[in-house]
Amino acid sequence: LFETGDMFYKWQYQIRWMAIELRKE
């Protein structure tokens, strides 16, 4: 997470969106 740059600051928000994508899949 540290190595992903800006993702470090928004990953907890993004995982919720990725869960939605995983549901769609």
PDB file of all heavy atoms in Angstrom:
ATOM      1  N   LEU A   1       0.829  -1.207   0.000  1.00  0.00           N
ATOM      2  CA  LEU A   1       0.000   0.000   0.000  1.00  0.00           C
ATOM      3  C   LEU A   1       0.862   1.255   0.000  1.00  0.00           C
ATOM      4  O   LEU A   1       0.588   2.208  -0.723  1.00  0.00           O
ATOM      5  CB  LEU A   1      -0.945   0.014   1.201  1.00  0.00           C
ATOM      6  CG  LEU A   1      -2.136  -0.917   1.117  1.00  0.00           C
ATOM      7  CD1 LEU A   1      -2.818  -1.028   2.467  1.00  0.00           C
ATOM      8  CD2 LEU A   1      -3.114  -0.433   0.064  1.00  0.00           C
ATOM      9  N   PHE A   2       1.916   1.249   0.809  1.00  0.00           N
ATOM     10  CA  PHE A   2       2.827   2.397   0.827  1.00  0.00           C
ATOM     11  C   PHE A   2       3.432   2.635  -0.554  1.00  0.00           C
ATOM     12  O   PHE A   2       3.637   3.769  -0.970  1.00  0.00           O
ATOM     13  CB  PHE A   2       3.957   2.192   1.834  1.00  0.00           C
ATOM     14  CG  PHE A   2       3.565   2.438   3.266  1.00  0.00           C
ATOM     15  CD1 PHE A   2       3.752   1.453   4.215  1.00  0.00           C
ATOM     16  CD2 PHE A   2       3.030   3.654   3.672  1.00  0.00           C
ATOM     17  CE1 PHE A   2       3.402   1.668   5.541  1.00  0.00           C
ATOM     18  CE2 PHE A   2       2.679   3.881   4.981  1.00  0.00           C
ATOM     19  CZ  PHE A   2       2.871   2.876   5.926  1.00  0.00           C
ATOM     20  N   GLU A   3       3.715   1.565  -1.256  1.00  0.00           N
ATOM     21  CA  GLU A   3       4.401   1.651  -2.544  1.00  0.00           C
ATOM     22  C   GLU A   3       3.482   2.047  -3.698  1.00  0.00           C
ATOM     23  O   GLU A   3       3.959   2.315  -4.792  1.00  0.00           O
ATOM     24  CB  GLU A   3       5.082   0.316  -2.849  1.00  0.00           C
ATOM     25  CG  GLU A   3       6.213   0.008  -1.879  1.00  0.00           C
ATOM     26  CD  GLU A   3       6.734  -1.406  -1.982  1.00  0.00           C
ATOM     27  OE1 GLU A   3       6.236  -2.192  -2.820  1.00  0.00           O
ATOM     28  OE2 GLU A   3       7.649  -1.745  -1.208  1.00  0.00           O
ATOM     29  N   THR A   4       2.166   2.094  -3.468  1.00  0.00           N
ATOM     30  CA  THR A   4       1.240   2.430  -4.550  1.00  0.00           C
ATOM     31  C   THR A   4       1.053   3.920  -4.748  1.00  0.00           C
ATOM     32  O   THR A   4       0.274   4.337  -5.591  1.00  0.00           O
ATOM     33  CB  THR A   4      -0.150   1.790  -4.309  1.00  0.00           C
ATOM     34  OG1 THR A   4      -0.680   2.294  -3.089  1.00  0.00           O
ATOM     35  CG2 THR A   4      -0.095   0.286  -4.309  1.00  0.00           C
ATOM     36  N   GLY A   5       1.743   4.730  -3.966  1.00  0.00           N
ATOM     37  CA  GLY A   5       1.615   6.176  -4.122  1.00  0.00           C
ATOM     38  C   GLY A   5       0.329   6.691  -3.520  1.00  0.00           C
ATOM     39  O   GLY A   5       0.005   6.408  -2.377  1.00  0.00           O
ATOM     40  N   ASP A   6      -0.436   7.416  -4.331  1.00  0.00           N
ATOM     41  CA  ASP A   6      -1.669   8.029  -3.840  1.00  0.00           C
ATOM     42  C   ASP A   6      -2.696   7.016  -3.348  1.00  0.00           C
ATOM     43  O   ASP A   6      -3.548   7.350  -2.520  1.00  0.00           O
ATOM     44  CB  ASP A   6      -2.306   8.899  -4.916  1.00  0.00           C
ATOM     45  CG  ASP A   6      -1.539  10.180  -5.154  1.00  0.00           C
ATOM     46  OD1 ASP A   6      -0.713  10.548  -4.296  1.00  0.00           O
ATOM     47  OD2 ASP A   6      -1.775  10.812  -6.190  1.00  0.00           O
ATOM     48  N   MET A   7      -2.661   5.780  -3.848  1.00  0.00           N
ATOM     49  CA  MET A   7      -3.623   4.773  -3.412  1.00  0.00           C
ATOM     50  C   MET A   7      -3.546   4.568  -1.904  1.00  0.00           C
ATOM     51  O   MET A   7      -4.551   4.259  -1.268  1.00  0.00           O
ATOM     52  CB  MET A   7      -3.387   3.446  -4.133  1.00  0.00           C
ATOM     53  CG  MET A   7      -4.358   2.353  -3.729  1.00  0.00           C
ATOM     54  SD  MET A   7      -6.107   2.757  -4.001  1.00  0.00           S
ATOM     55  CE  MET A   7      -6.207   2.628  -5.764  1.00  0.00           C
ATOM     56  N   PHE A   8      -2.389   4.796  -1.325  1.00  0.00           N
ATOM     57  CA  PHE A   8      -2.248   4.646   0.119  1.00  0.00           C
ATOM     58  C   PHE A   8      -3.258   5.508   0.865  1.00  0.00           C
ATOM     59  O   PHE A   8      -3.777   5.104   1.909  1.00  0.00           O
ATOM     60  CB  PHE A   8      -0.824   5.010   0.561  1.00  0.00           C
ATOM     61  CG  PHE A   8      -0.665   5.000   2.047  1.00  0.00           C
ATOM     62  CD1 PHE A   8      -0.607   3.808   2.748  1.00  0.00           C
ATOM     63  CD2 PHE A   8      -0.616   6.183   2.757  1.00  0.00           C
ATOM     64  CE1 PHE A   8      -0.489   3.795   4.125  1.00  0.00           C
ATOM     65  CE2 PHE A   8      -0.487   6.182   4.128  1.00  0.00           C
ATOM     66  CZ  PHE A   8      -0.421   4.986   4.816  1.00  0.00           C
ATOM     67  N   TYR A   9      -3.577   6.656   0.320  1.00  0.00           N
ATOM     68  CA  TYR A   9      -4.470   7.596   0.997  1.00  0.00           C
ATOM     69  C   TYR A   9      -5.954   7.335   0.742  1.00  0.00           C
ATOM     70  O   TYR A   9      -6.793   7.911   1.416  1.00  0.00           O
ATOM     71  CB  TYR A   9      -4.123   9.027   0.595  1.00  0.00           C
ATOM     72  CG  TYR A   9      -2.711   9.374   0.977  1.00  0.00           C
ATOM     73  CD1 TYR A   9      -1.693   9.367   0.033  1.00  0.00           C
ATOM     74  CD2 TYR A   9      -2.382   9.659   2.298  1.00  0.00           C
ATOM     75  CE1 TYR A   9      -0.391   9.664   0.395  1.00  0.00           C
ATOM     76  CE2 TYR A   9      -1.084   9.948   2.671  1.00  0.00           C
ATOM     77  CZ  TYR A   9      -0.097   9.944   1.712  1.00  0.00           C
ATOM     78  OH  TYR A   9       1.189  10.218   2.074  1.00  0.00           O
ATOM     79  N   LYS A  10      -6.258   6.476  -0.233  1.00  0.00           N
ATOM     80  CA  LYS A  10      -7.663   6.253  -0.558  1.00  0.00           C
ATOM     81  C   LYS A  10      -8.060   4.778  -0.639  1.00  0.00           C
ATOM     82  O   LYS A  10      -9.184   4.467  -1.005  1.00  0.00           O
ATOM     83  CB  LYS A  10      -8.020   6.965  -1.858  1.00  0.00           C
ATOM     84  CG  LYS A  10      -7.191   6.570  -3.049  1.00  0.00           C
ATOM     85  CD  LYS A  10      -7.544   7.422  -4.259  1.00  0.00           C
ATOM     86  CE  LYS A  10      -6.688   7.005  -5.440  1.00  0.00           C
ATOM     87  NZ  LYS A  10      -7.016   7.755  -6.628  1.00  0.00           N
ATOM     88  N   TRP A  11      -7.184   3.871  -0.241  1.00  0.00           N
ATOM     89  CA  TRP A  11      -7.454   2.452  -0.433  1.00  0.00           C
ATOM     90  C   TRP A  11      -8.695   1.964   0.317  1.00  0.00           C
ATOM     91  O   TRP A  11      -9.422   1.132  -0.191  1.00  0.00           O
ATOM     92  CB  TRP A  11      -6.241   1.588  -0.096  1.00  0.00           C
ATOM     93  CG  TRP A  11      -5.915   1.478   1.364  1.00  0.00           C
ATOM     94  CD1 TRP A  11      -5.145   2.321   2.099  1.00  0.00           C
ATOM     95  CD2 TRP A  11      -6.361   0.462   2.261  1.00  0.00           C
ATOM     96  NE1 TRP A  11      -5.079   1.893   3.399  1.00  0.00           N
ATOM     97  CE2 TRP A  11      -5.809   0.753   3.529  1.00  0.00           C
ATOM     98  CE3 TRP A  11      -7.158  -0.671   2.117  1.00  0.00           C
ATOM     99  CZ2 TRP A  11      -6.040  -0.041   4.645  1.00  0.00           C
ATOM    100  CZ3 TRP A  11      -7.383  -1.461   3.229  1.00  0.00           C
ATOM    101  CH2 TRP A  11      -6.832  -1.157   4.471  1.00  0.00           C
ATOM    102  N   GLN A  12      -8.958   2.493   1.511  1.00  0.00           N
ATOM    103  CA  GLN A  12     -10.121   2.006   2.262  1.00  0.00           C
ATOM    104  C   GLN A  12     -11.430   2.414   1.578  1.00  0.00           C
ATOM    105  O   GLN A  12     -12.421   1.694   1.658  1.00  0.00           O
ATOM    106  CB  GLN A  12     -10.073   2.484   3.704  1.00  0.00           C
ATOM    107  CG  GLN A  12      -8.996   1.748   4.472  1.00  0.00           C
ATOM    108  CD  GLN A  12      -9.082   1.999   5.954  1.00  0.00           C
ATOM    109  OE1 GLN A  12     -10.162   2.094   6.505  1.00  0.00           O
ATOM    110  NE2 GLN A  12      -7.932   2.093   6.590  1.00  0.00           N
ATOM    111  N   TYR A  13     -11.433   3.529   0.930  1.00  0.00           N
ATOM    112  CA  TYR A  13     -12.588   3.946   0.135  1.00  0.00           C
ATOM    113  C   TYR A  13     -12.699   3.074  -1.121  1.00  0.00           C
ATOM    114  O   TYR A  13     -13.771   2.593  -1.467  1.00  0.00           O
ATOM    115  CB  TYR A  13     -12.441   5.423  -0.230  1.00  0.00           C
ATOM    116  CG  TYR A  13     -13.487   5.936  -1.170  1.00  0.00           C
ATOM    117  CD1 TYR A  13     -14.761   6.242  -0.715  1.00  0.00           C
ATOM    118  CD2 TYR A  13     -13.199   6.125  -2.520  1.00  0.00           C
ATOM    119  CE1 TYR A  13     -15.731   6.718  -1.585  1.00  0.00           C
ATOM    120  CE2 TYR A  13     -14.169   6.588  -3.392  1.00  0.00           C
ATOM    121  CZ  TYR A  13     -15.424   6.891  -2.917  1.00  0.00           C
ATOM    122  OH  TYR A  13     -16.375   7.346  -3.783  1.00  0.00           O
ATOM    123  N   GLN A  14     -11.567   2.864  -1.776  1.00  0.00           N
ATOM    124  CA  GLN A  14     -11.552   2.113  -3.032  1.00  0.00           C
ATOM    125  C   GLN A  14     -11.972   0.665  -2.865  1.00  0.00           C
ATOM    126  O   GLN A  14     -12.573   0.092  -3.772  1.00  0.00           O
ATOM    127  CB  GLN A  14     -10.167   2.174  -3.678  1.00  0.00           C
ATOM    128  CG  GLN A  14      -9.864   3.466  -4.382  1.00  0.00           C
ATOM    129  CD  GLN A  14     -10.814   3.749  -5.512  1.00  0.00           C
ATOM    130  OE1 GLN A  14     -11.587   4.697  -5.448  1.00  0.00           O
ATOM    131  NE2 GLN A  14     -10.794   2.951  -6.545  1.00  0.00           N
ATOM    132  N   ILE A  15     -11.665   0.042  -1.711  1.00  0.00           N
ATOM    133  CA  ILE A  15     -12.041  -1.373  -1.598  1.00  0.00           C
ATOM    134  C   ILE A  15     -13.554  -1.552  -1.619  1.00  0.00           C
ATOM    135  O   ILE A  15     -14.044  -2.572  -2.072  1.00  0.00           O
ATOM    136  CB  ILE A  15     -11.422  -2.090  -0.377  1.00  0.00           C
ATOM    137  CG1 ILE A  15     -11.920  -1.530   0.938  1.00  0.00           C
ATOM    138  CG2 ILE A  15      -9.927  -2.124  -0.456  1.00  0.00           C
ATOM    139  CD1 ILE A  15     -11.584  -2.425   2.117  1.00  0.00           C
ATOM    140  N   ARG A  16     -14.282  -0.556  -1.164  1.00  0.00           N
ATOM    141  CA  ARG A  16     -15.746  -0.658  -1.234  1.00  0.00           C
ATOM    142  C   ARG A  16     -16.213  -0.665  -2.682  1.00  0.00           C
ATOM    143  O   ARG A  16     -17.118  -1.411  -3.050  1.00  0.00           O
ATOM    144  CB  ARG A  16     -16.398   0.465  -0.454  1.00  0.00           C
ATOM    145  CG  ARG A  16     -16.191   0.316   1.037  1.00  0.00           C
ATOM    146  CD  ARG A  16     -16.781   1.505   1.753  1.00  0.00           C
ATOM    147  NE  ARG A  16     -16.515   1.435   3.163  1.00  0.00           N
ATOM    148  CZ  ARG A  16     -17.462   1.354   4.086  1.00  0.00           C
ATOM    149  NH1 ARG A  16     -18.726   1.315   3.753  1.00  0.00           N
ATOM    150  NH2 ARG A  16     -17.144   1.312   5.354  1.00  0.00           N
ATOM    151  N   TRP A  17     -15.595   0.161  -3.518  1.00  0.00           N
ATOM    152  CA  TRP A  17     -15.932   0.164  -4.944  1.00  0.00           C
ATOM    153  C   TRP A  17     -15.512  -1.140  -5.602  1.00  0.00           C
ATOM    154  O   TRP A  17     -16.212  -1.672  -6.469  1.00  0.00           O
ATOM    155  CB  TRP A  17     -15.280   1.349  -5.661  1.00  0.00           C
ATOM    156  CG  TRP A  17     -16.007   2.621  -5.387  1.00  0.00           C
ATOM    157  CD1 TRP A  17     -15.583   3.656  -4.600  1.00  0.00           C
ATOM    158  CD2 TRP A  17     -17.306   2.988  -5.861  1.00  0.00           C
ATOM    159  NE1 TRP A  17     -16.535   4.640  -4.561  1.00  0.00           N
ATOM    160  CE2 TRP A  17     -17.607   4.262  -5.319  1.00  0.00           C
ATOM    161  CE3 TRP A  17     -18.234   2.372  -6.683  1.00  0.00           C
ATOM    162  CZ2 TRP A  17     -18.813   4.914  -5.592  1.00  0.00           C
ATOM    163  CZ3 TRP A  17     -19.428   3.029  -6.945  1.00  0.00           C
ATOM    164  CH2 TRP A  17     -19.698   4.287  -6.402  1.00  0.00           C
ATOM    165  N   MET A  18     -14.376  -1.671  -5.193  1.00  0.00           N
ATOM    166  CA  MET A  18     -13.919  -2.933  -5.772  1.00  0.00           C
ATOM    167  C   MET A  18     -14.827  -4.085  -5.345  1.00  0.00           C
ATOM    168  O   MET A  18     -15.053  -5.021  -6.114  1.00  0.00           O
ATOM    169  CB  MET A  18     -12.466  -3.212  -5.393  1.00  0.00           C
ATOM    170  CG  MET A  18     -11.471  -2.224  -6.003  1.00  0.00           C
ATOM    171  SD  MET A  18     -11.588  -2.071  -7.812  1.00  0.00           S
ATOM    172  CE  MET A  18     -12.611  -0.601  -8.003  1.00  0.00           C
ATOM    173  N   ALA A  19     -15.403  -4.009  -4.145  1.00  0.00           N
ATOM    174  CA  ALA A  19     -16.370  -5.020  -3.723  1.00  0.00           C
ATOM    175  C   ALA A  19     -17.605  -4.969  -4.622  1.00  0.00           C
ATOM    176  O   ALA A  19     -18.151  -6.018  -4.996  1.00  0.00           O
ATOM    177  CB  ALA A  19     -16.752  -4.814  -2.264  1.00  0.00           C
ATOM    178  N   ILE A  20     -18.030  -3.782  -5.002  1.00  0.00           N
ATOM    179  CA  ILE A  20     -19.159  -3.649  -5.927  1.00  0.00           C
ATOM    180  C   ILE A  20     -18.815  -4.299  -7.267  1.00  0.00           C
ATOM    181  O   ILE A  20     -19.623  -5.026  -7.842  1.00  0.00           O
ATOM    182  CB  ILE A  20     -19.546  -2.163  -6.109  1.00  0.00           C
ATOM    183  CG1 ILE A  20     -20.144  -1.624  -4.809  1.00  0.00           C
ATOM    184  CG2 ILE A  20     -20.509  -1.985  -7.295  1.00  0.00           C
ATOM    185  CD1 ILE A  20     -20.324  -0.122  -4.785  1.00  0.00           C
ATOM    186  N   GLU A  21     -17.600  -4.047  -7.743  1.00  0.00           N
ATOM    187  CA  GLU A  21     -17.166  -4.660  -9.004  1.00  0.00           C
ATOM    188  C   GLU A  21     -17.126  -6.179  -8.883  1.00  0.00           C
ATOM    189  O   GLU A  21     -17.541  -6.892  -9.803  1.00  0.00           O
ATOM    190  CB  GLU A  21     -15.785  -4.119  -9.412  1.00  0.00           C
ATOM    191  CG  GLU A  21     -15.786  -2.656  -9.800  1.00  0.00           C
ATOM    192  CD  GLU A  21     -16.663  -2.376 -11.005  1.00  0.00           C
ATOM    193  OE1 GLU A  21     -16.636  -3.154 -11.984  1.00  0.00           O
ATOM    194  OE2 GLU A  21     -17.415  -1.375 -10.968  1.00  0.00           O
ATOM    195  N   LEU A  22     -16.625  -6.681  -7.755  1.00  0.00           N
ATOM    196  CA  LEU A  22     -16.575  -8.131  -7.543  1.00  0.00           C
ATOM    197  C   LEU A  22     -17.982  -8.734  -7.497  1.00  0.00           C
ATOM    198  O   LEU A  22     -18.192  -9.856  -7.943  1.00  0.00           O
ATOM    199  CB  LEU A  22     -15.804  -8.457  -6.259  1.00  0.00           C
ATOM    200  CG  LEU A  22     -14.296  -8.216  -6.326  1.00  0.00           C
ATOM    201  CD1 LEU A  22     -13.677  -8.276  -4.936  1.00  0.00           C
ATOM    202  CD2 LEU A  22     -13.623  -9.213  -7.267  1.00  0.00           C
ATOM    203  N   ARG A  23     -18.934  -7.984  -6.982  1.00  0.00           N
ATOM    204  CA  ARG A  23     -20.329  -8.454  -7.001  1.00  0.00           C
ATOM    205  C   ARG A  23     -20.843  -8.516  -8.439  1.00  0.00           C
ATOM    206  O   ARG A  23     -21.505  -9.483  -8.828  1.00  0.00           O
ATOM    207  CB  ARG A  23     -21.210  -7.535  -6.161  1.00  0.00           C
ATOM    208  CG  ARG A  23     -21.035  -7.738  -4.687  1.00  0.00           C
ATOM    209  CD  ARG A  23     -22.035  -6.902  -3.909  1.00  0.00           C
ATOM    210  NE  ARG A  23     -21.884  -7.146  -2.498  1.00  0.00           N
ATOM    211  CZ  ARG A  23     -21.514  -6.221  -1.619  1.00  0.00           C
ATOM    212  NH1 ARG A  23     -21.264  -4.982  -2.005  1.00  0.00           N
ATOM    213  NH2 ARG A  23     -21.393  -6.525  -0.341  1.00  0.00           N
ATOM    214  N   LYS A  24     -20.559  -7.495  -9.223  1.00  0.00           N
ATOM    215  CA  LYS A  24     -20.994  -7.481 -10.625  1.00  0.00           C
ATOM    216  C   LYS A  24     -20.406  -8.658 -11.393  1.00  0.00           C
ATOM    217  O   LYS A  24     -21.035  -9.192 -12.305  1.00  0.00           O
ATOM    218  CB  LYS A  24     -20.577  -6.177 -11.305  1.00  0.00           C
ATOM    219  CG  LYS A  24     -21.357  -4.967 -10.846  1.00  0.00           C
ATOM    220  CD  LYS A  24     -20.847  -3.715 -11.540  1.00  0.00           C
ATOM    221  CE  LYS A  24     -21.535  -2.466 -11.049  1.00  0.00           C
ATOM    222  NZ  LYS A  24     -20.970  -1.250 -11.671  1.00  0.00           N
ATOM    223  N   GLU A  25     -19.195  -9.046 -11.029  1.00  0.00           N
ATOM    224  CA  GLU A  25     -18.516 -10.160 -11.691  1.00  0.00           C
ATOM    225  C   GLU A  25     -18.954 -11.515 -11.138  1.00  0.00           C
ATOM    226  O   GLU A  25     -18.523 -12.551 -11.634  1.00  0.00           O
ATOM    227  CB  GLU A  25     -17.003 -10.006 -11.536  1.00  0.00           C
ATOM    228  CG  GLU A  25     -16.439  -8.783 -12.217  1.00  0.00           C
ATOM    229  CD  GLU A  25     -15.000  -8.484 -11.839  1.00  0.00           C
ATOM    230  OE1 GLU A  25     -14.318  -9.363 -11.261  1.00  0.00           O
ATOM    231  OE2 GLU A  25     -14.546  -7.363 -12.112  1.00  0.00           O
TER     232      GLU A  25
END
